[in-house]
N, C-alpha and C. Protein backbone atom coordinates (compact mmCIF):
# COMPACT_ATOMS: atom_id res chain seq x y z
N UNK A 1 6.77 9.04 -7.43
CA UNK A 1 5.60 8.27 -7.81
C UNK A 1 5.53 7.02 -6.94
N UNK A 2 4.33 6.64 -6.57
CA UNK A 2 4.08 5.51 -5.68
C UNK A 2 4.17 4.20 -6.46
N UNK A 3 4.78 3.19 -5.86
CA UNK A 3 4.86 1.86 -6.44
C UNK A 3 3.53 1.14 -6.20
N UNK A 4 2.61 1.27 -7.14
CA UNK A 4 1.26 0.74 -6.99
C UNK A 4 1.27 -0.78 -6.82
N UNK A 5 2.12 -1.48 -7.55
CA UNK A 5 2.17 -2.94 -7.45
C UNK A 5 2.57 -3.40 -6.05
N UNK A 6 3.48 -2.69 -5.42
CA UNK A 6 3.89 -3.02 -4.06
C UNK A 6 2.68 -2.95 -3.13
N UNK A 7 1.92 -1.87 -3.21
CA UNK A 7 0.78 -1.70 -2.32
C UNK A 7 -0.39 -2.60 -2.72
N UNK A 8 -0.52 -2.89 -4.00
CA UNK A 8 -1.57 -3.83 -4.43
C UNK A 8 -1.32 -5.20 -3.78
N UNK A 9 -0.07 -5.65 -3.81
CA UNK A 9 0.26 -6.94 -3.19
C UNK A 9 0.01 -6.93 -1.69
N UNK A 10 0.36 -5.84 -1.04
CA UNK A 10 0.12 -5.71 0.40
C UNK A 10 -1.37 -5.75 0.69
N UNK A 11 -2.15 -5.00 -0.09
CA UNK A 11 -3.59 -4.94 0.13
C UNK A 11 -4.27 -6.27 -0.18
N UNK A 12 -3.85 -6.95 -1.23
CA UNK A 12 -4.44 -8.24 -1.56
C UNK A 12 -4.14 -9.28 -0.48
N UNK A 13 -2.93 -9.25 0.06
CA UNK A 13 -2.56 -10.17 1.13
C UNK A 13 -3.39 -9.89 2.38
N UNK A 14 -3.56 -8.61 2.71
CA UNK A 14 -4.36 -8.25 3.88
C UNK A 14 -5.83 -8.62 3.67
N UNK A 15 -6.32 -8.44 2.45
CA UNK A 15 -7.69 -8.80 2.13
C UNK A 15 -7.90 -10.31 2.33
N UNK A 16 -6.97 -11.10 1.88
CA UNK A 16 -7.06 -12.56 2.04
C UNK A 16 -7.03 -12.93 3.52
N UNK A 17 -6.16 -12.29 4.28
CA UNK A 17 -6.06 -12.54 5.71
C UNK A 17 -7.37 -12.19 6.42
N UNK A 18 -7.94 -11.04 6.08
CA UNK A 18 -9.19 -10.62 6.71
C UNK A 18 -10.35 -11.54 6.33
N UNK A 19 -10.41 -11.96 5.08
CA UNK A 19 -11.45 -12.89 4.65
C UNK A 19 -11.39 -14.17 5.48
N UNK A 20 -10.20 -14.72 5.65
CA UNK A 20 -10.03 -15.94 6.44
C UNK A 20 -10.45 -15.71 7.89
N UNK A 21 -10.05 -14.59 8.45
CA UNK A 21 -10.39 -14.28 9.85
C UNK A 21 -11.90 -14.12 10.01
N UNK A 22 -12.54 -13.45 9.07
CA UNK A 22 -13.99 -13.24 9.17
C UNK A 22 -14.74 -14.57 9.06
N UNK A 23 -14.25 -15.48 8.24
CA UNK A 23 -14.89 -16.80 8.16
C UNK A 23 -14.72 -17.56 9.47
N UNK A 24 -13.55 -17.44 10.10
CA UNK A 24 -13.33 -18.08 11.39
C UNK A 24 -14.26 -17.51 12.44
N UNK A 25 -14.43 -16.20 12.44
CA UNK A 25 -15.31 -15.55 13.41
C UNK A 25 -16.75 -16.01 13.19
N UNK A 26 -17.17 -16.07 11.95
CA UNK A 26 -18.52 -16.51 11.64
C UNK A 26 -18.76 -17.95 12.12
N UNK A 27 -17.80 -18.81 11.87
CA UNK A 27 -17.91 -20.20 12.31
C UNK A 27 -17.97 -20.29 13.83
N UNK A 28 -17.17 -19.50 14.51
CA UNK A 28 -17.16 -19.50 15.97
C UNK A 28 -18.50 -19.01 16.52
N UNK A 29 -19.05 -17.97 15.92
CA UNK A 29 -20.34 -17.44 16.39
C UNK A 29 -21.46 -18.45 16.19
N UNK A 30 -21.37 -19.24 15.15
CA UNK A 30 -22.42 -20.23 14.85
C UNK A 30 -22.25 -21.52 15.63
N UNK A 31 -21.13 -21.72 16.30
CA UNK A 31 -20.83 -23.00 16.94
C UNK A 31 -21.37 -23.14 18.35
N UNK A 32 -21.87 -22.09 18.96
CA UNK A 32 -22.31 -22.16 20.35
C UNK A 32 -23.60 -22.96 20.47
N UNK A 33 -23.59 -23.89 21.43
CA UNK A 33 -24.79 -24.70 21.63
C UNK A 33 -25.01 -25.03 23.10
N UNK A 34 -24.42 -24.27 23.99
CA UNK A 34 -24.53 -24.55 25.41
C UNK A 34 -25.94 -24.23 25.91
N UNK A 35 -26.41 -25.05 26.84
CA UNK A 35 -27.72 -24.84 27.46
C UNK A 35 -27.59 -24.25 28.86
N UNK A 36 -26.40 -24.25 29.40
CA UNK A 36 -26.16 -23.74 30.75
C UNK A 36 -26.16 -22.22 30.72
N UNK A 37 -26.91 -21.60 31.62
CA UNK A 37 -27.04 -20.13 31.64
C UNK A 37 -25.71 -19.43 31.84
N UNK A 38 -24.89 -19.96 32.75
CA UNK A 38 -23.59 -19.34 33.00
C UNK A 38 -22.70 -19.42 31.77
N UNK A 39 -22.69 -20.57 31.14
CA UNK A 39 -21.90 -20.73 29.93
C UNK A 39 -22.43 -19.85 28.80
N UNK A 40 -23.75 -19.74 28.72
CA UNK A 40 -24.34 -18.87 27.70
C UNK A 40 -23.94 -17.41 27.92
N UNK A 41 -23.87 -16.99 29.19
CA UNK A 41 -23.48 -15.61 29.49
C UNK A 41 -22.03 -15.36 29.06
N UNK A 42 -21.15 -16.31 29.35
CA UNK A 42 -19.75 -16.18 28.96
C UNK A 42 -19.63 -16.18 27.44
N UNK A 43 -20.37 -17.09 26.79
CA UNK A 43 -20.34 -17.14 25.33
C UNK A 43 -20.83 -15.84 24.72
N UNK A 44 -21.86 -15.25 25.32
CA UNK A 44 -22.40 -13.99 24.80
C UNK A 44 -21.37 -12.87 24.90
N UNK A 45 -20.64 -12.83 26.01
CA UNK A 45 -19.57 -11.83 26.14
C UNK A 45 -18.50 -12.04 25.07
N UNK A 46 -18.13 -13.30 24.86
CA UNK A 46 -17.14 -13.61 23.83
C UNK A 46 -17.67 -13.25 22.44
N UNK A 47 -18.97 -13.49 22.24
CA UNK A 47 -19.59 -13.16 20.95
C UNK A 47 -19.51 -11.66 20.68
N UNK A 48 -19.70 -10.85 21.71
CA UNK A 48 -19.62 -9.40 21.53
C UNK A 48 -18.23 -8.98 21.08
N UNK A 49 -17.22 -9.60 21.65
CA UNK A 49 -15.84 -9.31 21.24
C UNK A 49 -15.63 -9.74 19.79
N UNK A 50 -16.09 -10.95 19.48
CA UNK A 50 -15.93 -11.46 18.11
C UNK A 50 -16.69 -10.58 17.12
N UNK A 51 -17.89 -10.15 17.48
CA UNK A 51 -18.66 -9.28 16.59
C UNK A 51 -17.95 -7.96 16.36
N UNK A 52 -17.32 -7.43 17.41
CA UNK A 52 -16.55 -6.19 17.26
C UNK A 52 -15.37 -6.39 16.32
N UNK A 53 -14.68 -7.51 16.47
CA UNK A 53 -13.56 -7.81 15.57
C UNK A 53 -14.06 -7.99 14.14
N UNK A 54 -15.21 -8.64 14.00
CA UNK A 54 -15.79 -8.83 12.68
C UNK A 54 -16.16 -7.51 12.03
N UNK A 55 -16.75 -6.63 12.80
CA UNK A 55 -17.14 -5.32 12.26
C UNK A 55 -15.93 -4.52 11.84
N UNK A 56 -14.89 -4.52 12.66
CA UNK A 56 -13.69 -3.76 12.27
C UNK A 56 -13.02 -4.39 11.06
N UNK A 57 -13.05 -5.71 10.97
CA UNK A 57 -12.50 -6.38 9.79
C UNK A 57 -13.29 -6.05 8.53
N UNK A 58 -14.61 -6.02 8.65
CA UNK A 58 -15.45 -5.66 7.50
C UNK A 58 -15.19 -4.22 7.07
N UNK A 59 -15.03 -3.32 8.05
CA UNK A 59 -14.73 -1.92 7.73
C UNK A 59 -13.40 -1.81 6.98
N UNK A 60 -12.41 -2.56 7.45
CA UNK A 60 -11.11 -2.52 6.78
C UNK A 60 -11.20 -3.09 5.37
N UNK A 61 -12.00 -4.14 5.18
CA UNK A 61 -12.18 -4.71 3.84
C UNK A 61 -12.79 -3.69 2.88
N UNK A 62 -13.74 -2.91 3.36
CA UNK A 62 -14.35 -1.86 2.52
C UNK A 62 -13.28 -0.86 2.10
N UNK A 63 -12.41 -0.48 3.02
CA UNK A 63 -11.35 0.48 2.72
C UNK A 63 -10.34 -0.12 1.73
N UNK A 64 -10.04 -1.40 1.90
CA UNK A 64 -9.11 -2.07 0.98
C UNK A 64 -9.70 -2.12 -0.42
N UNK A 65 -10.97 -2.48 -0.52
CA UNK A 65 -11.62 -2.55 -1.84
C UNK A 65 -11.66 -1.17 -2.50
N UNK A 66 -11.87 -0.13 -1.71
CA UNK A 66 -11.85 1.22 -2.25
C UNK A 66 -10.46 1.59 -2.75
N UNK A 67 -9.43 1.20 -2.00
CA UNK A 67 -8.05 1.48 -2.42
C UNK A 67 -7.71 0.73 -3.70
N UNK A 68 -8.16 -0.53 -3.80
CA UNK A 68 -7.92 -1.30 -5.03
C UNK A 68 -8.64 -0.66 -6.22
N UNK A 69 -9.83 -0.13 -5.99
CA UNK A 69 -10.56 0.57 -7.05
C UNK A 69 -9.82 1.83 -7.48
N UNK A 70 -9.25 2.55 -6.50
CA UNK A 70 -8.47 3.75 -6.84
C UNK A 70 -7.26 3.37 -7.67
N UNK A 71 -6.68 2.21 -7.38
CA UNK A 71 -5.54 1.73 -8.18
C UNK A 71 -5.98 1.50 -9.62
N UNK A 72 -7.11 0.83 -9.78
CA UNK A 72 -7.61 0.53 -11.13
C UNK A 72 -7.93 1.81 -11.90
N UNK A 73 -8.31 2.85 -11.18
CA UNK A 73 -8.66 4.12 -11.81
C UNK A 73 -7.46 5.05 -11.97
N UNK A 74 -6.29 4.62 -11.48
CA UNK A 74 -5.09 5.44 -11.57
C UNK A 74 -5.05 6.58 -10.58
N UNK A 75 -5.83 6.47 -9.52
CA UNK A 75 -5.91 7.55 -8.53
C UNK A 75 -5.27 7.19 -7.20
N UNK A 76 -4.73 5.98 -7.09
CA UNK A 76 -4.13 5.56 -5.83
C UNK A 76 -2.88 6.38 -5.54
N UNK A 77 -2.70 6.72 -4.27
CA UNK A 77 -1.52 7.47 -3.85
C UNK A 77 -1.73 8.97 -3.86
N UNK A 78 -2.95 9.38 -4.21
CA UNK A 78 -3.29 10.81 -4.19
C UNK A 78 -4.48 11.01 -3.27
N UNK A 79 -4.42 12.05 -2.49
CA UNK A 79 -5.47 12.36 -1.52
C UNK A 79 -6.79 12.62 -2.24
N UNK A 80 -7.86 11.98 -1.77
CA UNK A 80 -9.17 12.17 -2.40
C UNK A 80 -9.77 13.52 -2.05
N UNK A 81 -9.22 14.19 -1.04
CA UNK A 81 -9.74 15.49 -0.65
C UNK A 81 -9.03 16.64 -1.36
N UNK A 82 -7.70 16.66 -1.26
CA UNK A 82 -6.96 17.80 -1.81
C UNK A 82 -6.17 17.47 -3.08
N UNK A 83 -6.01 16.19 -3.39
CA UNK A 83 -5.29 15.78 -4.59
C UNK A 83 -3.79 15.69 -4.43
N UNK A 84 -3.28 16.02 -3.26
CA UNK A 84 -1.83 15.94 -3.02
C UNK A 84 -1.38 14.48 -3.00
N UNK A 85 -0.13 14.26 -3.35
CA UNK A 85 0.42 12.92 -3.29
C UNK A 85 0.54 12.48 -1.84
N UNK A 86 0.14 11.25 -1.56
CA UNK A 86 0.27 10.69 -0.22
C UNK A 86 1.68 10.13 -0.10
N UNK A 87 2.37 10.51 0.93
CA UNK A 87 3.76 10.08 1.11
C UNK A 87 3.85 8.56 1.27
N UNK A 88 4.86 7.95 0.65
CA UNK A 88 5.03 6.50 0.78
C UNK A 88 5.15 6.07 2.25
N UNK A 89 5.72 6.90 3.09
CA UNK A 89 5.85 6.56 4.51
C UNK A 89 4.47 6.37 5.14
N UNK A 90 3.51 7.16 4.73
CA UNK A 90 2.14 7.04 5.23
C UNK A 90 1.49 5.78 4.67
N UNK A 91 1.68 5.54 3.39
CA UNK A 91 1.10 4.34 2.76
C UNK A 91 1.71 3.06 3.33
N UNK A 92 2.96 3.12 3.77
CA UNK A 92 3.59 1.95 4.39
C UNK A 92 2.87 1.57 5.69
N UNK A 93 2.35 2.58 6.38
CA UNK A 93 1.66 2.34 7.65
C UNK A 93 0.19 2.03 7.43
N UNK A 94 -0.47 2.79 6.54
CA UNK A 94 -1.90 2.62 6.26
C UNK A 94 -2.07 2.56 4.74
N UNK A 95 -1.82 1.40 4.14
CA UNK A 95 -1.81 1.32 2.68
C UNK A 95 -3.14 1.61 2.01
N UNK A 96 -4.24 1.51 2.74
CA UNK A 96 -5.56 1.76 2.15
C UNK A 96 -6.04 3.20 2.35
N UNK A 97 -5.21 4.04 2.94
CA UNK A 97 -5.67 5.39 3.24
C UNK A 97 -5.99 6.19 1.97
N UNK A 98 -7.11 6.92 2.00
CA UNK A 98 -7.43 7.78 0.87
C UNK A 98 -6.98 9.23 1.10
N UNK A 99 -6.38 9.49 2.27
CA UNK A 99 -6.06 10.86 2.66
C UNK A 99 -4.57 11.08 2.90
N UNK A 100 -4.12 12.28 2.55
CA UNK A 100 -2.77 12.70 2.94
C UNK A 100 -2.80 12.95 4.45
N UNK A 101 -1.65 13.16 5.02
CA UNK A 101 -1.55 13.36 6.47
C UNK A 101 -2.40 14.53 6.94
N UNK A 102 -2.34 15.65 6.23
CA UNK A 102 -3.07 16.85 6.65
C UNK A 102 -4.58 16.66 6.58
N UNK A 103 -5.06 16.06 5.50
CA UNK A 103 -6.50 15.86 5.35
C UNK A 103 -7.00 14.78 6.31
N UNK A 104 -6.17 13.79 6.60
CA UNK A 104 -6.56 12.75 7.55
C UNK A 104 -6.79 13.35 8.93
N UNK A 105 -5.97 14.33 9.30
CA UNK A 105 -6.14 14.98 10.59
C UNK A 105 -7.49 15.69 10.68
N UNK A 106 -7.99 16.16 9.54
CA UNK A 106 -9.29 16.84 9.54
C UNK A 106 -10.48 15.87 9.51
N UNK A 107 -10.23 14.58 9.24
CA UNK A 107 -11.30 13.60 9.14
C UNK A 107 -11.46 12.75 10.39
N UNK A 108 -10.74 13.08 11.44
CA UNK A 108 -10.85 12.29 12.68
C UNK A 108 -11.93 12.77 13.57
């Protein structure tokens, strides 16, 4: 049986970390005020990188919230596709995963 409290703590810590990072990204994106075209071009390139990081962070937050909901429903640690128990070794690497190793391979 999976230690749900262990993974809940891991997920909550990661959620807090991502929230802080997303706020930093948002502040950075809003802080640009350069009028120089060259500087604006460099800032725009940096903004694209920040937006990509923000999008991946938001995607991970959605997955974390789904995992926390599965915990509340008593379904955490079981594959949402086949119902098999997800190995703790897999959860240690990807604690928000909804899939066992075999089903994850089919979802890529």
